[in-house]
Amino acid sequence: PAAPLDLPAWCHMTGHHYLGPVPGSRPVFALRLASGA
């Protein structure tokens, strides 16, 4: 249940791009790896 908070926070800390939840029946979250992370 903490993933919707922890994943964006991790992306913010590292510099990767949090893209948000992926629509569907499973709890899936998307991110894009950044250069210089």
PDB file of all heavy atoms in Angstrom:
ATOM      1  N   PRO A   1       0.804  -1.228   0.000  1.00  0.00           N
ATOM      2  CA  PRO A   1       0.000   0.000   0.000  1.00  0.00           C
ATOM      3  C   PRO A   1       0.839   1.282   0.000  1.00  0.00           C
ATOM      4  O   PRO A   1       0.344   2.342  -0.384  1.00  0.00           O
ATOM      5  CB  PRO A   1      -0.825  -0.098   1.282  1.00  0.00           C
ATOM      6  CG  PRO A   1      -0.763  -1.511   1.715  1.00  0.00           C
ATOM      7  CD  PRO A   1       0.485  -2.100   1.124  1.00  0.00           C
ATOM      8  N   ALA A   2       2.103   1.196   0.388  1.00  0.00           N
ATOM      9  CA  ALA A   2       2.970   2.375   0.404  1.00  0.00           C
ATOM     10  C   ALA A   2       3.586   2.671  -0.967  1.00  0.00           C
ATOM     11  O   ALA A   2       4.148   3.744  -1.174  1.00  0.00           O
ATOM     12  CB  ALA A   2       4.080   2.206   1.433  1.00  0.00           C
ATOM     13  N   ALA A   3       3.476   1.749  -1.907  1.00  0.00           N
ATOM     14  CA  ALA A   3       4.111   1.919  -3.218  1.00  0.00           C
ATOM     15  C   ALA A   3       3.710   3.202  -3.937  1.00  0.00           C
ATOM     16  O   ALA A   3       4.575   3.854  -4.528  1.00  0.00           O
ATOM     17  CB  ALA A   3       3.845   0.703  -4.103  1.00  0.00           C
ATOM     18  N   PRO A   4       2.426   3.620  -3.911  1.00  0.00           N
ATOM     19  CA  PRO A   4       2.075   4.861  -4.609  1.00  0.00           C
ATOM     20  C   PRO A   4       2.772   6.107  -4.045  1.00  0.00           C
ATOM     21  O   PRO A   4       2.833   7.133  -4.712  1.00  0.00           O
ATOM     22  CB  PRO A   4       0.557   4.970  -4.419  1.00  0.00           C
ATOM     23  CG  PRO A   4       0.102   3.574  -4.167  1.00  0.00           C
ATOM     24  CD  PRO A   4       1.245   2.916  -3.431  1.00  0.00           C
ATOM     25  N   LEU A   5       3.305   6.002  -2.837  1.00  0.00           N
ATOM     26  CA  LEU A   5       4.087   7.098  -2.262  1.00  0.00           C
ATOM     27  C   LEU A   5       5.584   6.856  -2.412  1.00  0.00           C
ATOM     28  O   LEU A   5       6.339   7.772  -2.725  1.00  0.00           O
ATOM     29  CB  LEU A   5       3.747   7.264  -0.776  1.00  0.00           C
ATOM     30  CG  LEU A   5       2.297   7.597  -0.451  1.00  0.00           C
ATOM     31  CD1 LEU A   5       2.067   7.561   1.046  1.00  0.00           C
ATOM     32  CD2 LEU A   5       1.913   8.944  -1.025  1.00  0.00           C
ATOM     33  N   ASP A   6       6.002   5.625  -2.170  1.00  0.00           N
ATOM     34  CA  ASP A   6       7.433   5.317  -2.172  1.00  0.00           C
ATOM     35  C   ASP A   6       8.062   5.363  -3.562  1.00  0.00           C
ATOM     36  O   ASP A   6       9.193   5.837  -3.710  1.00  0.00           O
ATOM     37  CB  ASP A   6       7.687   3.940  -1.546  1.00  0.00           C
ATOM     38  CG  ASP A   6       7.470   3.933  -0.041  1.00  0.00           C
ATOM     39  OD1 ASP A   6       7.349   5.025   0.547  1.00  0.00           O
ATOM     40  OD2 ASP A   6       7.417   2.836   0.535  1.00  0.00           O
ATOM     41  N   LEU A   7       7.365   4.876  -4.581  1.00  0.00           N
ATOM     42  CA  LEU A   7       7.957   4.881  -5.926  1.00  0.00           C
ATOM     43  C   LEU A   7       8.171   6.294  -6.459  1.00  0.00           C
ATOM     44  O   LEU A   7       9.260   6.592  -6.966  1.00  0.00           O
ATOM     45  CB  LEU A   7       7.127   4.034  -6.884  1.00  0.00           C
ATOM     46  CG  LEU A   7       7.228   2.526  -6.638  1.00  0.00           C
ATOM     47  CD1 LEU A   7       6.215   1.770  -7.485  1.00  0.00           C
ATOM     48  CD2 LEU A   7       8.638   2.029  -6.906  1.00  0.00           C
ATOM     49  N   PRO A   8       7.189   7.212  -6.346  1.00  0.00           N
ATOM     50  CA  PRO A   8       7.473   8.586  -6.787  1.00  0.00           C
ATOM     51  C   PRO A   8       8.592   9.237  -5.972  1.00  0.00           C
ATOM     52  O   PRO A   8       9.413   9.979  -6.519  1.00  0.00           O
ATOM     53  CB  PRO A   8       6.154   9.329  -6.588  1.00  0.00           C
ATOM     54  CG  PRO A   8       5.111   8.290  -6.468  1.00  0.00           C
ATOM     55  CD  PRO A   8       5.797   7.049  -5.978  1.00  0.00           C
ATOM     56  N   ALA A   9       8.646   8.932  -4.670  1.00  0.00           N
ATOM     57  CA  ALA A   9       9.706   9.505  -3.828  1.00  0.00           C
ATOM     58  C   ALA A   9      11.070   8.988  -4.257  1.00  0.00           C
ATOM     59  O   ALA A   9      12.044   9.749  -4.328  1.00  0.00           O
ATOM     60  CB  ALA A   9       9.443   9.181  -2.355  1.00  0.00           C
ATOM     61  N   TRP A  10      11.151   7.692  -4.574  1.00  0.00           N
ATOM     62  CA  TRP A  10      12.414   7.115  -5.027  1.00  0.00           C
ATOM     63  C   TRP A  10      12.833   7.743  -6.354  1.00  0.00           C
ATOM     64  O   TRP A  10      14.002   8.079  -6.551  1.00  0.00           O
ATOM     65  CB  TRP A  10      12.272   5.597  -5.145  1.00  0.00           C
ATOM     66  CG  TRP A  10      13.538   4.915  -5.551  1.00  0.00           C
ATOM     67  CD1 TRP A  10      14.589   4.587  -4.745  1.00  0.00           C
ATOM     68  CD2 TRP A  10      13.901   4.495  -6.866  1.00  0.00           C
ATOM     69  NE1 TRP A  10      15.572   3.978  -5.484  1.00  0.00           N
ATOM     70  CE2 TRP A  10      15.174   3.907  -6.796  1.00  0.00           C
ATOM     71  CE3 TRP A  10      13.257   4.547  -8.107  1.00  0.00           C
ATOM     72  CZ2 TRP A  10      15.824   3.388  -7.903  1.00  0.00           C
ATOM     73  CZ3 TRP A  10      13.911   4.026  -9.206  1.00  0.00           C
ATOM     74  CH2 TRP A  10      15.179   3.451  -9.099  1.00  0.00           C
ATOM     75  N   CYS A  11      11.870   7.916  -7.260  1.00  0.00           N
ATOM     76  CA  CYS A  11      12.180   8.554  -8.545  1.00  0.00           C
ATOM     77  C   CYS A  11      12.666   9.986  -8.333  1.00  0.00           C
ATOM     78  O   CYS A  11      13.630  10.420  -8.977  1.00  0.00           O
ATOM     79  CB  CYS A  11      10.951   8.548  -9.459  1.00  0.00           C
ATOM     80  SG  CYS A  11      10.575   6.912 -10.140  1.00  0.00           S
ATOM     81  N   HIS A  12      12.026  10.701  -7.435  1.00  0.00           N
ATOM     82  CA  HIS A  12      12.444  12.077  -7.149  1.00  0.00           C
ATOM     83  C   HIS A  12      13.873  12.094  -6.592  1.00  0.00           C
ATOM     84  O   HIS A  12      14.685  12.929  -6.983  1.00  0.00           O
ATOM     85  CB  HIS A  12      11.468  12.720  -6.158  1.00  0.00           C
ATOM     86  CG  HIS A  12      11.841  14.107  -5.776  1.00  0.00           C
ATOM     87  ND1 HIS A  12      11.657  15.177  -6.615  1.00  0.00           N
ATOM     88  CD2 HIS A  12      12.421  14.601  -4.660  1.00  0.00           C
ATOM     89  CE1 HIS A  12      12.093  16.274  -6.021  1.00  0.00           C
ATOM     90  NE2 HIS A  12      12.568  15.955  -4.842  1.00  0.00           N
ATOM     91  N   MET A  13      14.182  11.158  -5.702  1.00  0.00           N
ATOM     92  CA  MET A  13      15.507  11.095  -5.094  1.00  0.00           C
ATOM     93  C   MET A  13      16.581  10.770  -6.130  1.00  0.00           C
ATOM     94  O   MET A  13      17.669  11.335  -6.117  1.00  0.00           O
ATOM     95  CB  MET A  13      15.531  10.050  -3.982  1.00  0.00           C
ATOM     96  CG  MET A  13      16.894   9.892  -3.316  1.00  0.00           C
ATOM     97  SD  MET A  13      17.015   8.452  -2.241  1.00  0.00           S
ATOM     98  CE  MET A  13      17.210   7.139  -3.439  1.00  0.00           C
ATOM     99  N   THR A  14      16.282   9.859  -7.042  1.00  0.00           N
ATOM    100  CA  THR A  14      17.289   9.394  -7.991  1.00  0.00           C
ATOM    101  C   THR A  14      17.347  10.220  -9.273  1.00  0.00           C
ATOM    102  O   THR A  14      18.364  10.232  -9.954  1.00  0.00           O
ATOM    103  CB  THR A  14      17.024   7.927  -8.391  1.00  0.00           C
ATOM    104  OG1 THR A  14      15.728   7.839  -8.988  1.00  0.00           O
ATOM    105  CG2 THR A  14      17.125   6.996  -7.190  1.00  0.00           C
ATOM    106  N   GLY A  15      16.242  10.871  -9.614  1.00  0.00           N
ATOM    107  CA  GLY A  15      16.193  11.632 -10.858  1.00  0.00           C
ATOM    108  C   GLY A  15      15.492  10.905 -11.987  1.00  0.00           C
ATOM    109  O   GLY A  15      15.383  11.431 -13.093  1.00  0.00           O
ATOM    110  N   HIS A  16      15.004   9.678 -11.726  1.00  0.00           N
ATOM    111  CA  HIS A  16      14.216   8.979 -12.735  1.00  0.00           C
ATOM    112  C   HIS A  16      12.843   9.644 -12.827  1.00  0.00           C
ATOM    113  O   HIS A  16      12.448  10.401 -11.942  1.00  0.00           O
ATOM    114  CB  HIS A  16      14.076   7.493 -12.392  1.00  0.00           C
ATOM    115  CG  HIS A  16      15.376   6.747 -12.434  1.00  0.00           C
ATOM    116  ND1 HIS A  16      16.165   6.681 -13.557  1.00  0.00           N
ATOM    117  CD2 HIS A  16      16.023   6.045 -11.471  1.00  0.00           C
ATOM    118  CE1 HIS A  16      17.241   5.967 -13.307  1.00  0.00           C
ATOM    119  NE2 HIS A  16      17.188   5.564 -12.046  1.00  0.00           N
ATOM    120  N   HIS A  17      12.100   9.367 -13.894  1.00  0.00           N
ATOM    121  CA  HIS A  17      10.810  10.016 -14.134  1.00  0.00           C
ATOM    122  C   HIS A  17       9.672   9.080 -13.756  1.00  0.00           C
ATOM    123  O   HIS A  17       9.524   8.011 -14.363  1.00  0.00           O
ATOM    124  CB  HIS A  17      10.683  10.423 -15.602  1.00  0.00           C
ATOM    125  CG  HIS A  17      11.800  11.287 -16.069  1.00  0.00           C
ATOM    126  ND1 HIS A  17      11.923  12.607 -15.717  1.00  0.00           N
ATOM    127  CD2 HIS A  17      12.874  10.997 -16.843  1.00  0.00           C
ATOM    128  CE1 HIS A  17      13.011  13.106 -16.264  1.00  0.00           C
ATOM    129  NE2 HIS A  17      13.612  12.146 -16.952  1.00  0.00           N
ATOM    130  N   TYR A  18       8.878   9.478 -12.768  1.00  0.00           N
ATOM    131  CA  TYR A  18       7.705   8.701 -12.374  1.00  0.00           C
ATOM    132  C   TYR A  18       6.588   9.035 -13.349  1.00  0.00           C
ATOM    133  O   TYR A  18       6.230  10.196 -13.525  1.00  0.00           O
ATOM    134  CB  TYR A  18       7.303   9.045 -10.936  1.00  0.00           C
ATOM    135  CG  TYR A  18       6.093   8.292 -10.466  1.00  0.00           C
ATOM    136  CD1 TYR A  18       6.168   6.921 -10.222  1.00  0.00           C
ATOM    137  CD2 TYR A  18       4.885   8.926 -10.265  1.00  0.00           C
ATOM    138  CE1 TYR A  18       5.070   6.214  -9.797  1.00  0.00           C
ATOM    139  CE2 TYR A  18       3.771   8.218  -9.831  1.00  0.00           C
ATOM    140  CZ  TYR A  18       3.875   6.863  -9.591  1.00  0.00           C
ATOM    141  OH  TYR A  18       2.775   6.161  -9.171  1.00  0.00           O
ATOM    142  N   LEU A  19       6.035   8.035 -14.010  1.00  0.00           N
ATOM    143  CA  LEU A  19       4.995   8.243 -15.011  1.00  0.00           C
ATOM    144  C   LEU A  19       3.594   8.012 -14.462  1.00  0.00           C
ATOM    145  O   LEU A  19       2.623   8.411 -15.092  1.00  0.00           O
ATOM    146  CB  LEU A  19       5.242   7.340 -16.225  1.00  0.00           C
ATOM    147  CG  LEU A  19       6.604   7.514 -16.904  1.00  0.00           C
ATOM    148  CD1 LEU A  19       6.767   6.496 -18.016  1.00  0.00           C
ATOM    149  CD2 LEU A  19       6.778   8.930 -17.414  1.00  0.00           C
ATOM    150  N   GLY A  20       3.484   7.344 -13.326  1.00  0.00           N
ATOM    151  CA  GLY A  20       2.192   7.155 -12.686  1.00  0.00           C
ATOM    152  C   GLY A  20       1.656   5.754 -12.792  1.00  0.00           C
ATOM    153  O   GLY A  20       2.304   4.850 -13.337  1.00  0.00           O
ATOM    154  N   PRO A  21       0.444   5.569 -12.283  1.00  0.00           N
ATOM    155  CA  PRO A  21      -0.167   4.239 -12.325  1.00  0.00           C
ATOM    156  C   PRO A  21      -0.566   3.864 -13.738  1.00  0.00           C
ATOM    157  O   PRO A  21      -0.905   4.721 -14.548  1.00  0.00           O
ATOM    158  CB  PRO A  21      -1.394   4.385 -11.422  1.00  0.00           C
ATOM    159  CG  PRO A  21      -1.684   5.848 -11.387  1.00  0.00           C
ATOM    160  CD  PRO A  21      -0.385   6.557 -11.609  1.00  0.00           C
ATOM    161  N   VAL A  22      -0.499   2.575 -14.024  1.00  0.00           N
ATOM    162  CA  VAL A  22      -0.899   2.038 -15.316  1.00  0.00           C
ATOM    163  C   VAL A  22      -2.312   1.487 -15.150  1.00  0.00           C
ATOM    164  O   VAL A  22      -2.543   0.661 -14.268  1.00  0.00           O
ATOM    165  CB  VAL A  22       0.061   0.917 -15.764  1.00  0.00           C
ATOM    166  CG1 VAL A  22      -0.389   0.298 -17.076  1.00  0.00           C
ATOM    167  CG2 VAL A  22       1.486   1.448 -15.870  1.00  0.00           C
ATOM    168  N   PRO A  23      -3.263   1.942 -15.962  1.00  0.00           N
ATOM    169  CA  PRO A  23      -4.632   1.445 -15.833  1.00  0.00           C
ATOM    170  C   PRO A  23      -4.696  -0.069 -16.031  1.00  0.00           C
ATOM    171  O   PRO A  23      -3.985  -0.629 -16.860  1.00  0.00           O
ATOM    172  CB  PRO A  23      -5.390   2.159 -16.961  1.00  0.00           C
ATOM    173  CG  PRO A  23      -4.537   3.332 -17.319  1.00  0.00           C
ATOM    174  CD  PRO A  23      -3.123   2.934 -17.023  1.00  0.00           C
ATOM    175  N   GLY A  24      -5.525  -0.713 -15.249  1.00  0.00           N
ATOM    176  CA  GLY A  24      -5.696  -2.159 -15.345  1.00  0.00           C
ATOM    177  C   GLY A  24      -6.115  -2.730 -14.016  1.00  0.00           C
ATOM    178  O   GLY A  24      -6.335  -2.004 -13.049  1.00  0.00           O
ATOM    179  N   SER A  25      -6.186  -4.037 -13.959  1.00  0.00           N
ATOM    180  CA  SER A  25      -6.679  -4.700 -12.757  1.00  0.00           C
ATOM    181  C   SER A  25      -5.596  -4.900 -11.702  1.00  0.00           C
ATOM    182  O   SER A  25      -5.900  -5.112 -10.546  1.00  0.00           O
ATOM    183  CB  SER A  25      -7.305  -6.049 -13.119  1.00  0.00           C
ATOM    184  OG  SER A  25      -6.332  -6.879 -13.728  1.00  0.00           O
ATOM    185  N   ARG A  26      -4.340  -4.836 -12.089  1.00  0.00           N
ATOM    186  CA  ARG A  26      -3.234  -5.025 -11.143  1.00  0.00           C
ATOM    187  C   ARG A  26      -2.652  -3.672 -10.771  1.00  0.00           C
ATOM    188  O   ARG A  26      -2.660  -2.747 -11.582  1.00  0.00           O
ATOM    189  CB  ARG A  26      -2.146  -5.889 -11.763  1.00  0.00           C
ATOM    190  CG  ARG A  26      -2.634  -7.286 -12.115  1.00  0.00           C
ATOM    191  CD  ARG A  26      -1.536  -8.097 -12.690  1.00  0.00           C
ATOM    192  NE  ARG A  26      -0.733  -8.617 -11.577  1.00  0.00           N
ATOM    193  CZ  ARG A  26       0.330  -9.373 -11.740  1.00  0.00           C
ATOM    194  NH1 ARG A  26       0.746  -9.682 -12.946  1.00  0.00           N
ATOM    195  NH2 ARG A  26       1.003  -9.814 -10.713  1.00  0.00           N
ATOM    196  N   PRO A  27      -2.089  -3.558  -9.566  1.00  0.00           N
ATOM    197  CA  PRO A  27      -1.426  -2.309  -9.189  1.00  0.00           C
ATOM    198  C   PRO A  27      -0.050  -2.211  -9.850  1.00  0.00           C
ATOM    199  O   PRO A  27       0.916  -2.806  -9.387  1.00  0.00           O
ATOM    200  CB  PRO A  27      -1.328  -2.403  -7.669  1.00  0.00           C
ATOM    201  CG  PRO A  27      -1.332  -3.881  -7.382  1.00  0.00           C
ATOM    202  CD  PRO A  27      -2.125  -4.523  -8.479  1.00  0.00           C
ATOM    203  N   VAL A  28       0.001  -1.497 -10.973  1.00  0.00           N
ATOM    204  CA  VAL A  28       1.238  -1.345 -11.742  1.00  0.00           C
ATOM    205  C   VAL A  28       1.550   0.139 -11.860  1.00  0.00           C
ATOM    206  O   VAL A  28       0.660   0.953 -12.114  1.00  0.00           O
ATOM    207  CB  VAL A  28       1.098  -1.972 -13.154  1.00  0.00           C
ATOM    208  CG1 VAL A  28       2.368  -1.788 -13.964  1.00  0.00           C
ATOM    209  CG2 VAL A  28       0.736  -3.447 -13.054  1.00  0.00           C
ATOM    210  N   PHE A  29       2.816   0.475 -11.694  1.00  0.00           N
ATOM    211  CA  PHE A  29       3.274   1.855 -11.763  1.00  0.00           C
ATOM    212  C   PHE A  29       4.397   1.932 -12.781  1.00  0.00           C
ATOM    213  O   PHE A  29       5.214   1.021 -12.884  1.00  0.00           O
ATOM    214  CB  PHE A  29       3.754   2.317 -10.383  1.00  0.00           C
ATOM    215  CG  PHE A  29       2.707   2.114  -9.331  1.00  0.00           C
ATOM    216  CD1 PHE A  29       2.631   0.931  -8.623  1.00  0.00           C
ATOM    217  CD2 PHE A  29       1.751   3.093  -9.093  1.00  0.00           C
ATOM    218  CE1 PHE A  29       1.642   0.722  -7.672  1.00  0.00           C
ATOM    219  CE2 PHE A  29       0.756   2.889  -8.150  1.00  0.00           C
ATOM    220  CZ  PHE A  29       0.701   1.711  -7.442  1.00  0.00           C
ATOM    221  N   ALA A  30       4.436   3.020 -13.538  1.00  0.00           N
ATOM    222  CA  ALA A  30       5.431   3.154 -14.600  1.00  0.00           C
ATOM    223  C   ALA A  30       6.439   4.244 -14.259  1.00  0.00           C
ATOM    224  O   ALA A  30       6.103   5.254 -13.633  1.00  0.00           O
ATOM    225  CB  ALA A  30       4.746   3.485 -15.917  1.00  0.00           C
ATOM    226  N   LEU A  31       7.669   4.020 -14.698  1.00  0.00           N
ATOM    227  CA  LEU A  31       8.710   5.037 -14.581  1.00  0.00           C
ATOM    228  C   LEU A  31       9.617   4.937 -15.790  1.00  0.00           C
ATOM    229  O   LEU A  31       9.661   3.914 -16.463  1.00  0.00           O
ATOM    230  CB  LEU A  31       9.485   4.888 -13.267  1.00  0.00           C
ATOM    231  CG  LEU A  31      10.160   3.561 -12.971  1.00  0.00           C
ATOM    232  CD1 LEU A  31      11.647   3.659 -13.263  1.00  0.00           C
ATOM    233  CD2 LEU A  31       9.942   3.201 -11.523  1.00  0.00           C
ATOM    234  N   ARG A  32      10.296   6.031 -16.094  1.00  0.00           N
ATOM    235  CA  ARG A  32      11.246   6.071 -17.211  1.00  0.00           C
ATOM    236  C   ARG A  32      12.610   6.386 -16.629  1.00  0.00           C
ATOM    237  O   ARG A  32      12.777   7.361 -15.894  1.00  0.00           O
ATOM    238  CB  ARG A  32      10.851   7.118 -18.239  1.00  0.00           C
ATOM    239  CG  ARG A  32      11.842   7.174 -19.410  1.00  0.00           C
ATOM    240  CD  ARG A  32      11.475   8.175 -20.479  1.00  0.00           C
ATOM    241  NE  ARG A  32      10.310   7.693 -21.206  1.00  0.00           N
ATOM    242  CZ  ARG A  32       9.164   8.361 -21.295  1.00  0.00           C
ATOM    243  NH1 ARG A  32       9.016   9.525 -20.711  1.00  0.00           N
ATOM    244  NH2 ARG A  32       8.158   7.866 -21.980  1.00  0.00           N
ATOM    245  N   LEU A  33      13.595   5.582 -16.990  1.00  0.00           N
ATOM    246  CA  LEU A  33      14.951   5.801 -16.496  1.00  0.00           C
ATOM    247  C   LEU A  33      15.548   7.036 -17.146  1.00  0.00           C
ATOM    248  O   LEU A  33      15.370   7.258 -18.343  1.00  0.00           O
ATOM    249  CB  LEU A  33      15.812   4.572 -16.760  1.00  0.00           C
ATOM    250  CG  LEU A  33      15.301   3.257 -16.160  1.00  0.00           C
ATOM    251  CD1 LEU A  33      16.306   2.136 -16.420  1.00  0.00           C
ATOM    252  CD2 LEU A  33      15.008   3.391 -14.680  1.00  0.00           C
ATOM    253  N   ALA A  34      16.224   7.818 -16.345  1.00  0.00           N
ATOM    254  CA  ALA A  34      16.780   9.088 -16.805  1.00  0.00           C
ATOM    255  C   ALA A  34      18.293   9.001 -16.944  1.00  0.00           C
ATOM    256  O   ALA A  34      18.954   8.291 -16.190  1.00  0.00           O
ATOM    257  CB  ALA A  34      16.429  10.194 -15.812  1.00  0.00           C
ATOM    258  N   SER A  35      18.811   9.746 -17.899  1.00  0.00           N
ATOM    259  CA  SER A  35      20.267   9.865 -17.992  1.00  0.00           C
ATOM    260  C   SER A  35      20.709  10.759 -16.835  1.00  0.00           C
ATOM    261  O   SER A  35      19.995  11.665 -16.426  1.00  0.00           O
ATOM    262  CB  SER A  35      20.675  10.462 -19.328  1.00  0.00           C
ATOM    263  OG  SER A  35      20.162  11.765 -19.460  1.00  0.00           O
ATOM    264  N   GLY A  36      21.835  10.479 -16.295  1.00  0.00           N
ATOM    265  CA  GLY A  36      22.343  11.286 -15.192  1.00  0.00           C
ATOM    266  C   GLY A  36      21.651  11.033 -13.867  1.00  0.00           C
ATOM    267  O   GLY A  36      21.818  11.810 -12.931  1.00  0.00           O
ATOM    268  N   ALA A  37      20.869   9.951 -13.755  1.00  0.00           N
ATOM    269  CA  ALA A  37      20.206   9.637 -12.488  1.00  0.00           C
ATOM    270  C   ALA A  37      21.262   9.322 -11.430  1.00  0.00           C
ATOM    271  O   ALA A  37      22.340   8.803 -11.736  1.00  0.00           O
ATOM    272  CB  ALA A  37      19.261   8.461 -12.651  1.00  0.00           C
TER     273      ALA A  37
END
